Amino acid sequence: MISDDIFKRRRNHNNTPKPALLIITNYVVCSVLFSLDNKINWFFGLTIILLAVYNYFNIRRNHEDYNKVNIIAYVISLLGLVAFYFLVRKGL
C-alpha cells in the first residue's frame, strides 16, 4: 500500500518559496507596465497601488516565510525595480 505521507506532500509540490513568487510577480507586472507607454497615466498609478496592496497582504499572510534573508532580497528587488523603471524610460 502507499503511505499517506505521499498525498500530504503532494499539496505543496511546487517548491517555489512565497517570497520568490512575490518578487517574480512584481517584476512581471512592472515590466508590462513599463513597456506600455512613455507617459505615466492613471492606469499606471492605480496598478502600482494595487501591486503594493497585494505585496502588503501577501507578506502579512505568509509572514512566517519572511526571514532576514528574504526581507533583504525583497528590498533589493524593489530597488532593482526602481532602477529598471529608469532604464526603461531612458531607452536602454
N, C-alpha and C. Protein backbone atom coordinates (compact mmCIF):
# COMPACT_ATOMS: atom_id res chain seq x y z
N MET A 1 0.84 -1.19 0.00
CA MET A 1 0.00 0.00 0.00
C MET A 1 0.88 1.25 0.00
N ILE A 2 0.32 2.33 -0.46
CA ILE A 2 1.01 3.62 -0.49
C ILE A 2 0.76 4.35 0.83
N SER A 3 1.81 4.92 1.37
CA SER A 3 1.65 5.61 2.66
C SER A 3 0.92 6.95 2.45
N ASP A 4 0.32 7.42 3.52
CA ASP A 4 -0.42 8.67 3.47
C ASP A 4 0.49 9.89 3.35
N ASP A 5 1.76 9.76 3.69
CA ASP A 5 2.68 10.89 3.61
C ASP A 5 2.86 11.39 2.18
N ILE A 6 2.77 10.54 1.22
CA ILE A 6 2.92 10.94 -0.18
C ILE A 6 1.81 11.91 -0.56
N PHE A 7 0.61 11.64 -0.15
CA PHE A 7 -0.52 12.50 -0.52
C PHE A 7 -0.50 13.81 0.26
N LYS A 8 0.06 13.82 1.44
CA LYS A 8 0.16 15.05 2.20
C LYS A 8 1.22 15.98 1.61
N ARG A 9 2.29 15.42 1.08
CA ARG A 9 3.33 16.24 0.47
C ARG A 9 2.91 16.76 -0.89
N ARG A 10 2.03 16.10 -1.56
CA ARG A 10 1.64 16.46 -2.92
C ARG A 10 1.02 17.85 -3.01
N ARG A 11 0.38 18.29 -1.95
CA ARG A 11 -0.29 19.58 -1.96
C ARG A 11 0.69 20.74 -2.18
N ASN A 12 1.87 20.67 -1.65
CA ASN A 12 2.89 21.72 -1.80
C ASN A 12 4.05 21.23 -2.66
N HIS A 13 3.75 20.71 -3.81
CA HIS A 13 4.78 20.09 -4.63
C HIS A 13 5.57 21.08 -5.47
N ASN A 14 5.17 22.33 -5.54
CA ASN A 14 5.84 23.24 -6.46
C ASN A 14 7.20 23.74 -5.96
N ASN A 15 7.45 23.73 -4.68
CA ASN A 15 8.75 24.02 -4.07
C ASN A 15 9.28 25.43 -4.34
N THR A 16 8.50 26.33 -4.90
CA THR A 16 8.93 27.70 -5.08
C THR A 16 8.52 28.49 -3.84
N PRO A 17 9.47 29.11 -3.16
CA PRO A 17 9.12 29.84 -1.94
C PRO A 17 8.23 31.05 -2.25
N LYS A 18 7.38 31.39 -1.31
CA LYS A 18 6.45 32.52 -1.48
C LYS A 18 7.17 33.84 -1.72
N PRO A 19 8.28 34.14 -1.04
CA PRO A 19 8.97 35.40 -1.34
C PRO A 19 9.48 35.47 -2.79
N ALA A 20 9.93 34.37 -3.33
CA ALA A 20 10.39 34.36 -4.72
C ALA A 20 9.23 34.59 -5.68
N LEU A 21 8.08 34.00 -5.39
CA LEU A 21 6.90 34.23 -6.23
C LEU A 21 6.47 35.69 -6.19
N LEU A 22 6.58 36.32 -5.03
CA LEU A 22 6.22 37.72 -4.91
C LEU A 22 7.16 38.60 -5.73
N ILE A 23 8.44 38.33 -5.68
CA ILE A 23 9.42 39.10 -6.45
C ILE A 23 9.19 38.91 -7.95
N ILE A 24 8.93 37.69 -8.37
CA ILE A 24 8.67 37.41 -9.79
C ILE A 24 7.40 38.14 -10.24
N THR A 25 6.36 38.12 -9.41
CA THR A 25 5.12 38.81 -9.75
C THR A 25 5.36 40.31 -9.90
N ASN A 26 6.14 40.88 -9.00
CA ASN A 26 6.44 42.31 -9.10
C ASN A 26 7.14 42.65 -10.40
N TYR A 27 8.13 41.86 -10.77
CA TYR A 27 8.86 42.14 -12.00
C TYR A 27 8.01 41.93 -13.25
N VAL A 28 7.16 40.94 -13.26
CA VAL A 28 6.30 40.71 -14.43
C VAL A 28 5.31 41.85 -14.60
N VAL A 29 4.65 42.23 -13.53
CA VAL A 29 3.66 43.32 -13.61
C VAL A 29 4.33 44.62 -13.99
N CYS A 30 5.45 44.93 -13.37
CA CYS A 30 6.13 46.19 -13.68
C CYS A 30 6.73 46.20 -15.08
N SER A 31 7.22 45.10 -15.57
CA SER A 31 7.76 45.09 -16.93
C SER A 31 6.66 45.30 -17.96
N VAL A 32 5.47 44.77 -17.71
CA VAL A 32 4.35 45.02 -18.61
C VAL A 32 3.95 46.49 -18.54
N LEU A 33 3.88 47.04 -17.34
CA LEU A 33 3.50 48.44 -17.19
C LEU A 33 4.52 49.38 -17.80
N PHE A 34 5.80 49.11 -17.62
CA PHE A 34 6.84 50.00 -18.12
C PHE A 34 6.91 49.97 -19.64
N SER A 35 6.47 48.91 -20.25
CA SER A 35 6.57 48.81 -21.71
C SER A 35 5.33 49.36 -22.42
N LEU A 36 4.30 49.74 -21.69
CA LEU A 36 3.06 50.20 -22.32
C LEU A 36 3.20 51.54 -23.01
N ASP A 37 3.65 52.54 -22.30
CA ASP A 37 3.66 53.89 -22.84
C ASP A 37 4.75 54.70 -22.16
N ASN A 38 5.15 55.79 -22.79
CA ASN A 38 6.21 56.62 -22.21
C ASN A 38 5.72 57.58 -21.14
N LYS A 39 4.44 57.84 -21.09
CA LYS A 39 3.96 58.76 -20.06
C LYS A 39 3.22 57.99 -18.97
N ILE A 40 3.27 58.53 -17.78
CA ILE A 40 2.60 57.91 -16.64
C ILE A 40 1.17 58.42 -16.60
N ASN A 41 0.22 57.52 -16.61
CA ASN A 41 -1.18 57.91 -16.56
C ASN A 41 -1.84 57.29 -15.33
N TRP A 42 -3.14 57.45 -15.23
CA TRP A 42 -3.87 56.99 -14.05
C TRP A 42 -3.83 55.47 -13.93
N PHE A 43 -3.80 54.74 -15.05
CA PHE A 43 -3.76 53.28 -15.02
C PHE A 43 -2.47 52.78 -14.39
N PHE A 44 -1.37 53.44 -14.74
CA PHE A 44 -0.07 53.09 -14.17
C PHE A 44 -0.08 53.26 -12.65
N GLY A 45 -0.57 54.41 -12.21
CA GLY A 45 -0.61 54.67 -10.77
C GLY A 45 -1.53 53.71 -10.03
N LEU A 46 -2.69 53.43 -10.61
CA LEU A 46 -3.63 52.51 -9.98
C LEU A 46 -3.04 51.10 -9.89
N THR A 47 -2.37 50.67 -10.93
CA THR A 47 -1.78 49.33 -10.93
C THR A 47 -0.64 49.22 -9.92
N ILE A 48 0.16 50.25 -9.79
CA ILE A 48 1.24 50.23 -8.80
C ILE A 48 0.66 50.20 -7.38
N ILE A 49 -0.41 50.96 -7.15
CA ILE A 49 -1.06 50.95 -5.84
C ILE A 49 -1.64 49.56 -5.54
N LEU A 50 -2.30 48.96 -6.53
CA LEU A 50 -2.85 47.61 -6.32
C LEU A 50 -1.75 46.58 -6.10
N LEU A 51 -0.62 46.74 -6.78
CA LEU A 51 0.52 45.85 -6.57
C LEU A 51 1.09 46.01 -5.16
N ALA A 52 1.13 47.24 -4.66
CA ALA A 52 1.61 47.47 -3.30
C ALA A 52 0.66 46.85 -2.27
N VAL A 53 -0.64 46.94 -2.51
CA VAL A 53 -1.62 46.32 -1.61
C VAL A 53 -1.47 44.80 -1.65
N TYR A 54 -1.27 44.25 -2.85
CA TYR A 54 -1.06 42.81 -2.98
C TYR A 54 0.19 42.38 -2.23
N ASN A 55 1.27 43.16 -2.35
CA ASN A 55 2.51 42.84 -1.63
C ASN A 55 2.29 42.87 -0.13
N TYR A 56 1.58 43.88 0.36
CA TYR A 56 1.34 44.00 1.79
C TYR A 56 0.58 42.79 2.33
N PHE A 57 -0.51 42.43 1.66
CA PHE A 57 -1.30 41.31 2.16
C PHE A 57 -0.61 39.97 1.97
N ASN A 58 0.19 39.85 0.93
CA ASN A 58 0.94 38.62 0.72
C ASN A 58 2.00 38.44 1.81
N ILE A 59 2.71 39.51 2.14
CA ILE A 59 3.72 39.43 3.20
C ILE A 59 3.04 39.18 4.54
N ARG A 60 1.91 39.83 4.77
CA ARG A 60 1.20 39.64 6.03
C ARG A 60 0.67 38.22 6.17
N ARG A 61 0.18 37.64 5.07
CA ARG A 61 -0.37 36.29 5.12
C ARG A 61 0.73 35.24 5.30
N ASN A 62 1.88 35.46 4.69
CA ASN A 62 2.98 34.49 4.73
C ASN A 62 4.15 35.01 5.56
N HIS A 63 3.86 35.66 6.67
CA HIS A 63 4.93 36.28 7.45
C HIS A 63 5.92 35.27 8.03
N GLU A 64 5.54 34.03 8.19
CA GLU A 64 6.48 33.04 8.72
C GLU A 64 7.55 32.66 7.69
N ASP A 65 7.30 32.91 6.40
CA ASP A 65 8.28 32.60 5.36
C ASP A 65 9.32 33.70 5.20
N TYR A 66 9.06 34.87 5.74
CA TYR A 66 9.95 36.01 5.55
C TYR A 66 10.93 36.13 6.71
N ASN A 67 12.10 35.57 6.50
CA ASN A 67 13.17 35.74 7.47
C ASN A 67 14.05 36.90 7.02
N LYS A 68 15.17 37.11 7.68
CA LYS A 68 16.02 38.26 7.38
C LYS A 68 16.56 38.23 5.95
N VAL A 69 16.94 37.07 5.48
CA VAL A 69 17.49 36.95 4.12
C VAL A 69 16.42 37.26 3.08
N ASN A 70 15.21 36.77 3.28
CA ASN A 70 14.14 37.03 2.32
C ASN A 70 13.73 38.50 2.31
N ILE A 71 13.75 39.14 3.45
CA ILE A 71 13.41 40.57 3.51
C ILE A 71 14.48 41.40 2.79
N ILE A 72 15.74 41.05 2.98
CA ILE A 72 16.81 41.75 2.27
C ILE A 72 16.68 41.55 0.77
N ALA A 73 16.38 40.34 0.34
CA ALA A 73 16.19 40.07 -1.08
C ALA A 73 14.99 40.85 -1.64
N TYR A 74 13.93 40.97 -0.86
CA TYR A 74 12.76 41.71 -1.29
C TYR A 74 13.07 43.20 -1.44
N VAL A 75 13.80 43.76 -0.49
CA VAL A 75 14.16 45.18 -0.56
C VAL A 75 15.09 45.43 -1.75
N ILE A 76 16.04 44.55 -1.97
CA ILE A 76 16.94 44.69 -3.12
C ILE A 76 16.15 44.59 -4.42
N SER A 77 15.15 43.72 -4.46
CA SER A 77 14.35 43.60 -5.68
C SER A 77 13.53 44.87 -5.92
N LEU A 78 13.07 45.51 -4.84
CA LEU A 78 12.35 46.78 -5.01
C LEU A 78 13.27 47.87 -5.54
N LEU A 79 14.51 47.90 -5.05
CA LEU A 79 15.49 48.85 -5.59
C LEU A 79 15.80 48.52 -7.05
N GLY A 80 15.83 47.25 -7.38
CA GLY A 80 16.03 46.84 -8.76
C GLY A 80 14.87 47.27 -9.66
N LEU A 81 13.65 47.26 -9.12
CA LEU A 81 12.50 47.73 -9.89
C LEU A 81 12.60 49.22 -10.18
N VAL A 82 13.09 49.99 -9.22
CA VAL A 82 13.26 51.42 -9.44
C VAL A 82 14.32 51.65 -10.52
N ALA A 83 15.43 50.94 -10.45
CA ALA A 83 16.48 51.05 -11.48
C ALA A 83 15.95 50.58 -12.83
N PHE A 84 15.16 49.52 -12.83
CA PHE A 84 14.57 49.01 -14.06
C PHE A 84 13.64 50.05 -14.69
N TYR A 85 12.89 50.76 -13.87
CA TYR A 85 12.00 51.81 -14.35
C TYR A 85 12.78 52.89 -15.07
N PHE A 86 13.86 53.37 -14.46
CA PHE A 86 14.64 54.43 -15.07
C PHE A 86 15.39 53.95 -16.31
N LEU A 87 15.82 52.71 -16.34
CA LEU A 87 16.49 52.18 -17.53
C LEU A 87 15.52 52.05 -18.70
N VAL A 88 14.31 51.63 -18.42
CA VAL A 88 13.31 51.50 -19.49
C VAL A 88 12.91 52.88 -20.00
N ARG A 89 12.75 53.83 -19.12
CA ARG A 89 12.36 55.19 -19.53
C ARG A 89 13.49 55.87 -20.30
N LYS A 90 14.71 55.54 -19.98
CA LYS A 90 15.85 56.14 -20.67
C LYS A 90 16.04 55.54 -22.07
N GLY A 91 15.54 54.34 -22.24
CA GLY A 91 15.62 53.70 -23.55
C GLY A 91 16.73 52.70 -23.70
N LEU A 92 17.29 52.24 -22.62
CA LEU A 92 18.40 51.27 -22.69
C LEU A 92 17.89 49.88 -22.79
